[in-house]
Amino acid sequence: MPEDLPEFNPDSWKPKTQLGMAVKNKEITDIDTLLEKGTRILETEITDSLLKLEAEFLLIGQAKGKFGGGQRRMFKSTQKKTMEGNKPKFTAVVVVGDRNGHIGIGMGGAKETVPAREKAFRQAKLNLFKIRRGTGSWEDDAENPHSIPFAVEGKCGSVVLKLMPAPKGKGLCVEKECAKILALAGIKDVWSKSFGQTKDKINMIRACEKALRQLSTMKIAARNVDHLHIVEGSIKKKEAEN
């Protein structure tokens, strides 16, 4: 289930960077202009003021015990053995997106669950990037960019994830946590193949992120932009409804 983000109050925001001041003064009103220039975002309020985001925890942990063993949990718990005793650490992974071509994934770790959660939210907003969408499946004749324009591949550790275009109505045929990422990015239909130790959820998530980043870095011939209905970043609401 999507998490409810705290409501952003622009009046209480005191920018600490020149970019933040430009955003608060309405000199910059489009997040795509920042992402195209490669400008580094150092304040989470910049993302909050330019986009309306949704957030969701990714289940990277696993419950232990006689009755809850095997169930997925949002926090991954590890322990470090020291002379003073066991020192626990909790890790959380959060994905934020506007369901319209923008996505961010963040990871946070701390001795307690609440700080780990807050760190993950912060990193996700700072790691925001945009993707390309399109209709790259040969089985598809839709004009609305509901899938991806071409196949991409991401690798982390032993995990290799390949995302491929799918026809409209097929849905997200991919691992559950990766499906949450794709849904918040605005992708509705996709095929996938995965190899390696896919039970490692963190490596799986990182491989999915690397694959999505390839959508914007790969060079495309001009003649294929219209043919594959490629859109980079957000699209207007009226176009999305068609």
C-alpha atoms as a PDB file:
ATOM      1  CA  MET A   1       0.000   0.000   0.000  1.00  0.00           C
ATOM      2  CA  PRO A   2       1.298   3.499  -0.816  1.00  0.00           C
ATOM      3  CA  GLU A   3       2.505   5.477   2.189  1.00  0.00           C
ATOM      4  CA  ASP A   4       1.104   8.928   3.004  1.00  0.00           C
ATOM      5  CA  LEU A   5       3.878  11.512   2.825  1.00  0.00           C
ATOM      6  CA  PRO A   6       3.833  14.430   5.301  1.00  0.00           C
ATOM      7  CA  GLU A   7       2.120  17.457   3.785  1.00  0.00           C
ATOM      8  CA  PHE A   8       4.662  19.960   2.495  1.00  0.00           C
ATOM      9  CA  ASN A   9       4.324  23.532   3.765  1.00  0.00           C
ATOM     10  CA  PRO A  10       6.272  25.934   1.494  1.00  0.00           C
ATOM     11  CA  ASP A  11       5.858  28.837   3.938  1.00  0.00           C
ATOM     12  CA  SER A  12       7.919  27.097   6.622  1.00  0.00           C
ATOM     13  CA  TRP A  13      10.697  26.148   4.198  1.00  0.00           C
ATOM     14  CA  LYS A  14      13.943  28.118   4.538  1.00  0.00           C
ATOM     15  CA  PRO A  15      16.154  27.231   1.541  1.00  0.00           C
ATOM     16  CA  LYS A  16      19.843  26.577   2.202  1.00  0.00           C
ATOM     17  CA  THR A  17      21.036  26.508  -1.424  1.00  0.00           C
ATOM     18  CA  GLN A  18      20.755  28.828  -4.420  1.00  0.00           C
ATOM     19  CA  LEU A  19      18.721  26.190  -6.230  1.00  0.00           C
ATOM     20  CA  GLY A  20      16.302  25.997  -3.318  1.00  0.00           C
ATOM     21  CA  MET A  21      15.873  29.782  -3.308  1.00  0.00           C
ATOM     22  CA  ALA A  22      15.186  29.771  -7.057  1.00  0.00           C
ATOM     23  CA  VAL A  23      12.516  27.093  -6.620  1.00  0.00           C
ATOM     24  CA  LYS A  24      10.833  28.899  -3.720  1.00  0.00           C
ATOM     25  CA  ASN A  25      10.829  32.186  -5.667  1.00  0.00           C
ATOM     26  CA  LYS A  26       9.087  30.422  -8.588  1.00  0.00           C
ATOM     27  CA  GLU A  27      12.059  31.016 -10.882  1.00  0.00           C
ATOM     28  CA  ILE A  28      12.111  27.251 -11.529  1.00  0.00           C
ATOM     29  CA  THR A  29       8.750  25.519 -11.859  1.00  0.00           C
ATOM     30  CA  ASP A  30       9.599  22.332 -13.778  1.00  0.00           C
ATOM     31  CA  ILE A  31      11.611  19.439 -12.333  1.00  0.00           C
ATOM     32  CA  ASP A  32      12.592  18.283 -15.836  1.00  0.00           C
ATOM     33  CA  THR A  33      14.739  21.376 -16.383  1.00  0.00           C
ATOM     34  CA  LEU A  34      16.864  20.390 -13.381  1.00  0.00           C
ATOM     35  CA  LEU A  35      17.130  16.731 -14.364  1.00  0.00           C
ATOM     36  CA  GLU A  36      18.084  17.529 -17.967  1.00  0.00           C
ATOM     37  CA  LYS A  37      20.971  19.732 -16.812  1.00  0.00           C
ATOM     38  CA  GLY A  38      22.113  17.107 -14.321  1.00  0.00           C
ATOM     39  CA  THR A  39      21.757  19.536 -11.423  1.00  0.00           C
ATOM     40  CA  ARG A  40      22.255  17.835  -8.089  1.00  0.00           C
ATOM     41  CA  ILE A  41      19.321  18.190  -5.699  1.00  0.00           C
ATOM     42  CA  LEU A  42      20.491  18.770  -2.115  1.00  0.00           C
ATOM     43  CA  GLU A  43      17.170  19.637  -0.450  1.00  0.00           C
ATOM     44  CA  THR A  44      14.151  17.358  -0.277  1.00  0.00           C
ATOM     45  CA  GLU A  45      11.857  20.388  -0.256  1.00  0.00           C
ATOM     46  CA  ILE A  46      12.832  21.079  -3.879  1.00  0.00           C
ATOM     47  CA  THR A  47      11.321  17.775  -4.943  1.00  0.00           C
ATOM     48  CA  ASP A  48       8.263  18.274  -2.729  1.00  0.00           C
ATOM     49  CA  SER A  49       7.527  21.711  -4.181  1.00  0.00           C
ATOM     50  CA  LEU A  50       7.878  20.676  -7.844  1.00  0.00           C
ATOM     51  CA  LEU A  51       6.195  17.254  -7.795  1.00  0.00           C
ATOM     52  CA  LYS A  52       3.298  15.549  -6.081  1.00  0.00           C
ATOM     53  CA  LEU A  53       4.856  12.281  -5.010  1.00  0.00           C
ATOM     54  CA  GLU A  54       3.596   8.958  -3.728  1.00  0.00           C
ATOM     55  CA  ALA A  55       5.791   6.668  -1.625  1.00  0.00           C
ATOM     56  CA  GLU A  56       5.881   2.978  -0.880  1.00  0.00           C
ATOM     57  CA  PHE A  57       8.083   0.726   1.236  1.00  0.00           C
ATOM     58  CA  LEU A  58       9.800  -2.176  -0.485  1.00  0.00           C
ATOM     59  CA  LEU A  59       9.742  -5.440   1.456  1.00  0.00           C
ATOM     60  CA  ILE A  60      13.415  -6.358   1.801  1.00  0.00           C
ATOM     61  CA  GLY A  61      13.313  -8.080   5.210  1.00  0.00           C
ATOM     62  CA  GLN A  62      12.000 -11.383   6.447  1.00  0.00           C
ATOM     63  CA  ALA A  63      10.198 -12.244   9.665  1.00  0.00           C
ATOM     64  CA  LYS A  64      11.729 -14.779  12.018  1.00  0.00           C
ATOM     65  CA  GLY A  65      10.121 -17.143  14.465  1.00  0.00           C
ATOM     66  CA  LYS A  66       7.883 -20.158  14.639  1.00  0.00           C
ATOM     67  CA  PHE A  67       4.700 -18.513  13.336  1.00  0.00           C
ATOM     68  CA  GLY A  68       5.944 -15.532  11.311  1.00  0.00           C
ATOM     69  CA  GLY A  69       8.952 -17.104   9.638  1.00  0.00           C
ATOM     70  CA  GLY A  70       9.263 -16.413   5.927  1.00  0.00           C
ATOM     71  CA  GLN A  71       6.886 -13.455   5.760  1.00  0.00           C
ATOM     72  CA  ARG A  72       8.259 -10.356   4.064  1.00  0.00           C
ATOM     73  CA  ARG A  73       8.912  -7.241   6.171  1.00  0.00           C
ATOM     74  CA  MET A  74       9.819  -3.646   5.287  1.00  0.00           C
ATOM     75  CA  PHE A  75      12.864  -3.573   7.590  1.00  0.00           C
ATOM     76  CA  LYS A  76      15.900  -5.793   7.173  1.00  0.00           C
ATOM     77  CA  SER A  77      17.486  -6.527  10.543  1.00  0.00           C
ATOM     78  CA  THR A  78      21.172  -7.373  11.001  1.00  0.00           C
ATOM     79  CA  GLN A  79      23.406  -7.614  14.071  1.00  0.00           C
ATOM     80  CA  LYS A  80      27.059  -6.865  14.692  1.00  0.00           C
ATOM     81  CA  LYS A  81      28.848  -8.908  17.349  1.00  0.00           C
ATOM     82  CA  THR A  82      31.002  -6.756  19.661  1.00  0.00           C
ATOM     83  CA  MET A  83      32.592  -7.032  23.100  1.00  0.00           C
ATOM     84  CA  GLU A  84      29.720  -4.939  24.488  1.00  0.00           C
ATOM     85  CA  GLY A  85      27.107  -7.247  22.985  1.00  0.00           C
ATOM     86  CA  ASN A  86      24.968  -7.368  19.863  1.00  0.00           C
ATOM     87  CA  LYS A  87      24.443  -4.076  18.009  1.00  0.00           C
ATOM     88  CA  PRO A  88      21.333  -4.260  15.813  1.00  0.00           C
ATOM     89  CA  LYS A  89      20.873  -2.312  12.588  1.00  0.00           C
ATOM     90  CA  PHE A  90      17.679  -1.800  10.607  1.00  0.00           C
ATOM     91  CA  THR A  91      17.662  -1.067   6.880  1.00  0.00           C
ATOM     92  CA  ALA A  92      14.691   0.241   4.880  1.00  0.00           C
ATOM     93  CA  VAL A  93      14.200   0.927   1.174  1.00  0.00           C
ATOM     94  CA  VAL A  94      11.605   3.433  -0.068  1.00  0.00           C
ATOM     95  CA  VAL A  95      10.503   4.284  -3.596  1.00  0.00           C
ATOM     96  CA  VAL A  96       8.852   7.615  -4.464  1.00  0.00           C
ATOM     97  CA  GLY A  97       7.250   8.572  -7.761  1.00  0.00           C
ATOM     98  CA  ASP A  98       4.535  10.612  -9.429  1.00  0.00           C
ATOM     99  CA  ARG A  99       3.287   7.803 -11.736  1.00  0.00           C
ATOM    100  CA  ASN A 100       4.237  10.083 -14.614  1.00  0.00           C
ATOM    101  CA  GLY A 101       7.838   9.399 -15.580  1.00  0.00           C
ATOM    102  CA  HIS A 102       9.671  10.354 -12.359  1.00  0.00           C
ATOM    103  CA  ILE A 103      11.026   7.887  -9.817  1.00  0.00           C
ATOM    104  CA  GLY A 104      13.438   7.857  -6.883  1.00  0.00           C
ATOM    105  CA  ILE A 105      14.769   5.025  -4.721  1.00  0.00           C
ATOM    106  CA  GLY A 106      16.409   5.531  -1.339  1.00  0.00           C
ATOM    107  CA  MET A 107      17.973   3.309   1.302  1.00  0.00           C
ATOM    108  CA  GLY A 108      18.481   4.175   4.946  1.00  0.00           C
ATOM    109  CA  GLY A 109      20.041   2.342   7.867  1.00  0.00           C
ATOM    110  CA  ALA A 110      20.051   3.080  11.613  1.00  0.00           C
ATOM    111  CA  LYS A 111      19.960   1.472  15.036  1.00  0.00           C
ATOM    112  CA  GLU A 112      16.193   2.028  15.198  1.00  0.00           C
ATOM    113  CA  THR A 113      13.403   1.709  12.662  1.00  0.00           C
ATOM    114  CA  VAL A 114      12.145   5.319  12.636  1.00  0.00           C
ATOM    115  CA  PRO A 115      15.499   6.968  11.754  1.00  0.00           C
ATOM    116  CA  ALA A 116      16.090   4.308   9.093  1.00  0.00           C
ATOM    117  CA  ARG A 117      12.717   5.076   7.580  1.00  0.00           C
ATOM    118  CA  GLU A 118      13.357   8.849   7.565  1.00  0.00           C
ATOM    119  CA  LYS A 119      16.777   8.408   5.942  1.00  0.00           C
ATOM    120  CA  ALA A 120      15.258   6.240   3.218  1.00  0.00           C
ATOM    121  CA  PHE A 121      12.557   8.843   2.476  1.00  0.00           C
ATOM    122  CA  ARG A 122      15.158  11.594   2.265  1.00  0.00           C
ATOM    123  CA  GLN A 123      17.484   9.662  -0.038  1.00  0.00           C
ATOM    124  CA  ALA A 124      14.613   8.660  -2.324  1.00  0.00           C
ATOM    125  CA  LYS A 125      13.644  12.307  -2.870  1.00  0.00           C
ATOM    126  CA  LEU A 126      17.254  13.334  -3.514  1.00  0.00           C
ATOM    127  CA  ASN A 127      17.856  10.443  -5.948  1.00  0.00           C
ATOM    128  CA  LEU A 128      14.969  11.387  -8.229  1.00  0.00           C
ATOM    129  CA  PHE A 129      15.408  10.755 -11.965  1.00  0.00           C
ATOM    130  CA  LYS A 130      13.182  10.627 -15.035  1.00  0.00           C
ATOM    131  CA  ILE A 131      12.639   7.779 -17.464  1.00  0.00           C
ATOM    132  CA  ARG A 132      11.493   7.247 -21.025  1.00  0.00           C
ATOM    133  CA  ARG A 133       8.230   5.497 -21.784  1.00  0.00           C
ATOM    134  CA  GLY A 134       6.818   4.278 -25.063  1.00  0.00           C
ATOM    135  CA  THR A 135       5.214   1.409 -26.976  1.00  0.00           C
ATOM    136  CA  GLY A 136       8.104  -0.803 -28.041  1.00  0.00           C
ATOM    137  CA  SER A 137       6.246  -4.119 -28.329  1.00  0.00           C
ATOM    138  CA  TRP A 138       5.723  -5.491 -31.856  1.00  0.00           C
ATOM    139  CA  GLU A 139       2.315  -6.786 -30.664  1.00  0.00           C
ATOM    140  CA  ASP A 140       1.152  -3.287 -29.723  1.00  0.00           C
ATOM    141  CA  ASP A 141      -0.463  -0.568 -31.833  1.00  0.00           C
ATOM    142  CA  ALA A 142      -1.415   1.798 -28.978  1.00  0.00           C
ATOM    143  CA  GLU A 143      -0.310   5.430 -29.110  1.00  0.00           C
ATOM    144  CA  ASN A 144      -0.324   6.022 -25.352  1.00  0.00           C
ATOM    145  CA  PRO A 145       3.165   5.397 -23.851  1.00  0.00           C
ATOM    146  CA  HIS A 146       2.134   2.714 -21.361  1.00  0.00           C
ATOM    147  CA  SER A 147       5.269   0.533 -21.545  1.00  0.00           C
ATOM    148  CA  ILE A 148       8.969   1.025 -22.331  1.00  0.00           C
ATOM    149  CA  PRO A 149      10.309   1.767 -25.835  1.00  0.00           C
ATOM    150  CA  PHE A 150      13.041  -0.898 -25.891  1.00  0.00           C
ATOM    151  CA  ALA A 151      14.581  -3.658 -23.794  1.00  0.00           C
ATOM    152  CA  VAL A 152      16.999  -2.639 -21.036  1.00  0.00           C
ATOM    153  CA  GLU A 153      19.125  -4.610 -18.607  1.00  0.00           C
ATOM    154  CA  GLY A 154      20.483  -3.933 -15.133  1.00  0.00           C
ATOM    155  CA  LYS A 155      22.972  -5.891 -13.044  1.00  0.00           C
ATOM    156  CA  CYS A 156      23.875  -5.820  -9.362  1.00  0.00           C
ATOM    157  CA  GLY A 157      25.949  -8.589  -7.831  1.00  0.00           C
ATOM    158  CA  SER A 158      24.820 -11.858  -9.353  1.00  0.00           C
ATOM    159  CA  VAL A 159      21.335 -10.520 -10.152  1.00  0.00           C
ATOM    160  CA  VAL A 160      20.593  -9.597 -13.761  1.00  0.00           C
ATOM    161  CA  LEU A 161      17.183  -8.118 -14.608  1.00  0.00           C
ATOM    162  CA  LYS A 162      16.019  -7.564 -18.173  1.00  0.00           C
ATOM    163  CA  LEU A 163      12.912  -5.448 -18.839  1.00  0.00           C
ATOM    164  CA  MET A 164      11.159  -5.767 -22.202  1.00  0.00           C
ATOM    165  CA  PRO A 165       8.220  -3.906 -23.804  1.00  0.00           C
ATOM    166  CA  ALA A 166       4.805  -5.558 -23.489  1.00  0.00           C
ATOM    167  CA  PRO A 167       1.470  -4.944 -25.272  1.00  0.00           C
ATOM    168  CA  LYS A 168      -1.242  -2.891 -23.620  1.00  0.00           C
ATOM    169  CA  GLY A 169      -3.213  -4.786 -20.985  1.00  0.00           C
ATOM    170  CA  LYS A 170      -0.525  -7.359 -20.206  1.00  0.00           C
ATOM    171  CA  GLY A 171       0.361  -5.804 -16.844  1.00  0.00           C
ATOM    172  CA  LEU A 172       3.637  -5.812 -14.939  1.00  0.00           C
ATOM    173  CA  CYS A 173       5.075  -9.305 -15.391  1.00  0.00           C
ATOM    174  CA  VAL A 174       7.997  -8.792 -13.036  1.00  0.00           C
ATOM    175  CA  GLU A 175       9.046  -9.474  -9.442  1.00  0.00           C
ATOM    176  CA  LYS A 176       6.647  -7.895  -6.898  1.00  0.00           C
ATOM    177  CA  GLU A 177       8.987  -5.270  -5.454  1.00  0.00           C
ATOM    178  CA  CYS A 178      10.152  -4.259  -8.929  1.00  0.00           C
ATOM    179  CA  ALA A 179       6.498  -3.994  -9.969  1.00  0.00           C
ATOM    180  CA  LYS A 180       5.979  -1.366  -7.235  1.00  0.00           C
ATOM    181  CA  ILE A 181       8.869   0.659  -8.667  1.00  0.00           C
ATOM    182  CA  LEU A 182       7.577   0.451 -12.234  1.00  0.00           C
ATOM    183  CA  ALA A 183       4.033   1.379 -11.185  1.00  0.00           C
ATOM    184  CA  LEU A 184       5.192   4.543  -9.391  1.00  0.00           C
ATOM    185  CA  ALA A 185       7.276   5.412 -12.453  1.00  0.00           C
ATOM    186  CA  GLY A 186       4.178   5.300 -14.670  1.00  0.00           C
ATOM    187  CA  ILE A 187       4.895   2.021 -16.487  1.00  0.00           C
ATOM    188  CA  LYS A 188       1.831  -0.209 -16.796  1.00  0.00           C
ATOM    189  CA  ASP A 189       2.916  -3.120 -19.011  1.00  0.00           C
ATOM    190  CA  VAL A 190       6.261  -4.915 -19.166  1.00  0.00           C
ATOM    191  CA  TRP A 191       7.838  -8.341 -19.671  1.00  0.00           C
ATOM    192  CA  SER A 192      10.908  -9.361 -17.673  1.00  0.00           C
ATOM    193  CA  LYS A 193      13.621 -11.982 -17.276  1.00  0.00           C
ATOM    194  CA  SER A 194      15.811 -12.378 -14.210  1.00  0.00           C
ATOM    195  CA  PHE A 195      18.937 -14.412 -13.510  1.00  0.00           C
ATOM    196  CA  GLY A 196      21.186 -15.043 -10.517  1.00  0.00           C
ATOM    197  CA  GLN A 197      20.387 -14.955  -6.801  1.00  0.00           C
ATOM    198  CA  THR A 198      17.042 -13.197  -7.222  1.00  0.00           C
ATOM    199  CA  LYS A 199      16.066 -13.861  -3.589  1.00  0.00           C
ATOM    200  CA  ASP A 200      18.418 -11.026  -2.629  1.00  0.00           C
ATOM    201  CA  LYS A 201      15.826  -8.238  -2.733  1.00  0.00           C
ATOM    202  CA  ILE A 202      18.276  -5.348  -2.385  1.00  0.00           C
ATOM    203  CA  ASN A 203      20.333  -6.480  -5.381  1.00  0.00           C
ATOM    204  CA  MET A 204      17.110  -7.040  -7.310  1.00  0.00           C
ATOM    205  CA  ILE A 205      15.943  -3.494  -6.565  1.00  0.00           C
ATOM    206  CA  ARG A 206      19.301  -2.004  -7.546  1.00  0.00           C
ATOM    207  CA  ALA A 207      19.314  -3.980 -10.795  1.00  0.00           C
ATOM    208  CA  CYS A 208      15.834  -2.633 -11.570  1.00  0.00           C
ATOM    209  CA  GLU A 209      16.998   0.931 -10.886  1.00  0.00           C
ATOM    210  CA  LYS A 210      19.999   0.531 -13.201  1.00  0.00           C
ATOM    211  CA  ALA A 211      17.753  -0.840 -15.931  1.00  0.00           C
ATOM    212  CA  LEU A 212      15.383   2.136 -15.620  1.00  0.00           C
ATOM    213  CA  ARG A 213      18.269   4.608 -15.772  1.00  0.00           C
ATOM    214  CA  GLN A 214      19.346   3.060 -19.087  1.00  0.00           C
ATOM    215  CA  LEU A 215      16.051   4.173 -20.623  1.00  0.00           C
ATOM    216  CA  SER A 216      17.232   7.797 -20.547  1.00  0.00           C
ATOM    217  CA  THR A 217      20.910   7.248 -21.364  1.00  0.00           C
ATOM    218  CA  MET A 218      20.541   5.111 -24.477  1.00  0.00           C
ATOM    219  CA  LYS A 219      20.775   6.985 -27.799  1.00  0.00           C
ATOM    220  CA  ILE A 220      17.704   6.820 -30.046  1.00  0.00           C
ATOM    221  CA  ALA A 221      17.420   7.592 -33.749  1.00  0.00           C
ATOM    222  CA  ALA A 222      15.085  10.513 -34.468  1.00  0.00           C
ATOM    223  CA  ARG A 223      12.884   8.393 -36.744  1.00  0.00           C
ATOM    224  CA  ASN A 224      12.103   6.004 -33.866  1.00  0.00           C
ATOM    225  CA  VAL A 225      10.834   8.663 -31.448  1.00  0.00           C
ATOM    226  CA  ASP A 226       7.464   9.038 -33.197  1.00  0.00           C
ATOM    227  CA  HIS A 227       7.280   5.391 -34.256  1.00  0.00           C
ATOM    228  CA  LEU A 228       7.655   4.136 -30.667  1.00  0.00           C
ATOM    229  CA  HIS A 229       5.706   7.084 -29.151  1.00  0.00           C
ATOM    230  CA  ILE A 230       8.616   7.856 -26.844  1.00  0.00           C
ATOM    231  CA  VAL A 231       8.035  10.366 -24.047  1.00  0.00           C
ATOM    232  CA  GLU A 232      10.747  11.418 -21.619  1.00  0.00           C
ATOM    233  CA  GLY A 233       9.645  12.552 -18.179  1.00  0.00           C
ATOM    234  CA  SER A 234       6.053  13.628 -17.564  1.00  0.00           C
ATOM    235  CA  ILE A 235       3.195  13.815 -20.045  1.00  0.00           C
ATOM    236  CA  LYS A 236       0.112  15.982 -19.874  1.00  0.00           C
ATOM    237  CA  LYS A 237      -2.994  14.580 -18.193  1.00  0.00           C
ATOM    238  CA  LYS A 238      -5.120  14.862 -21.328  1.00  0.00           C
ATOM    239  CA  GLU A 239      -2.573  12.876 -23.340  1.00  0.00           C
ATOM    240  CA  ALA A 240      -2.321  10.233 -20.618  1.00  0.00           C
ATOM    241  CA  GLU A 241      -6.081   9.678 -20.600  1.00  0.00           C
ATOM    242  CA  ASN A 242      -6.245   8.967 -24.356  1.00  0.00           C
END
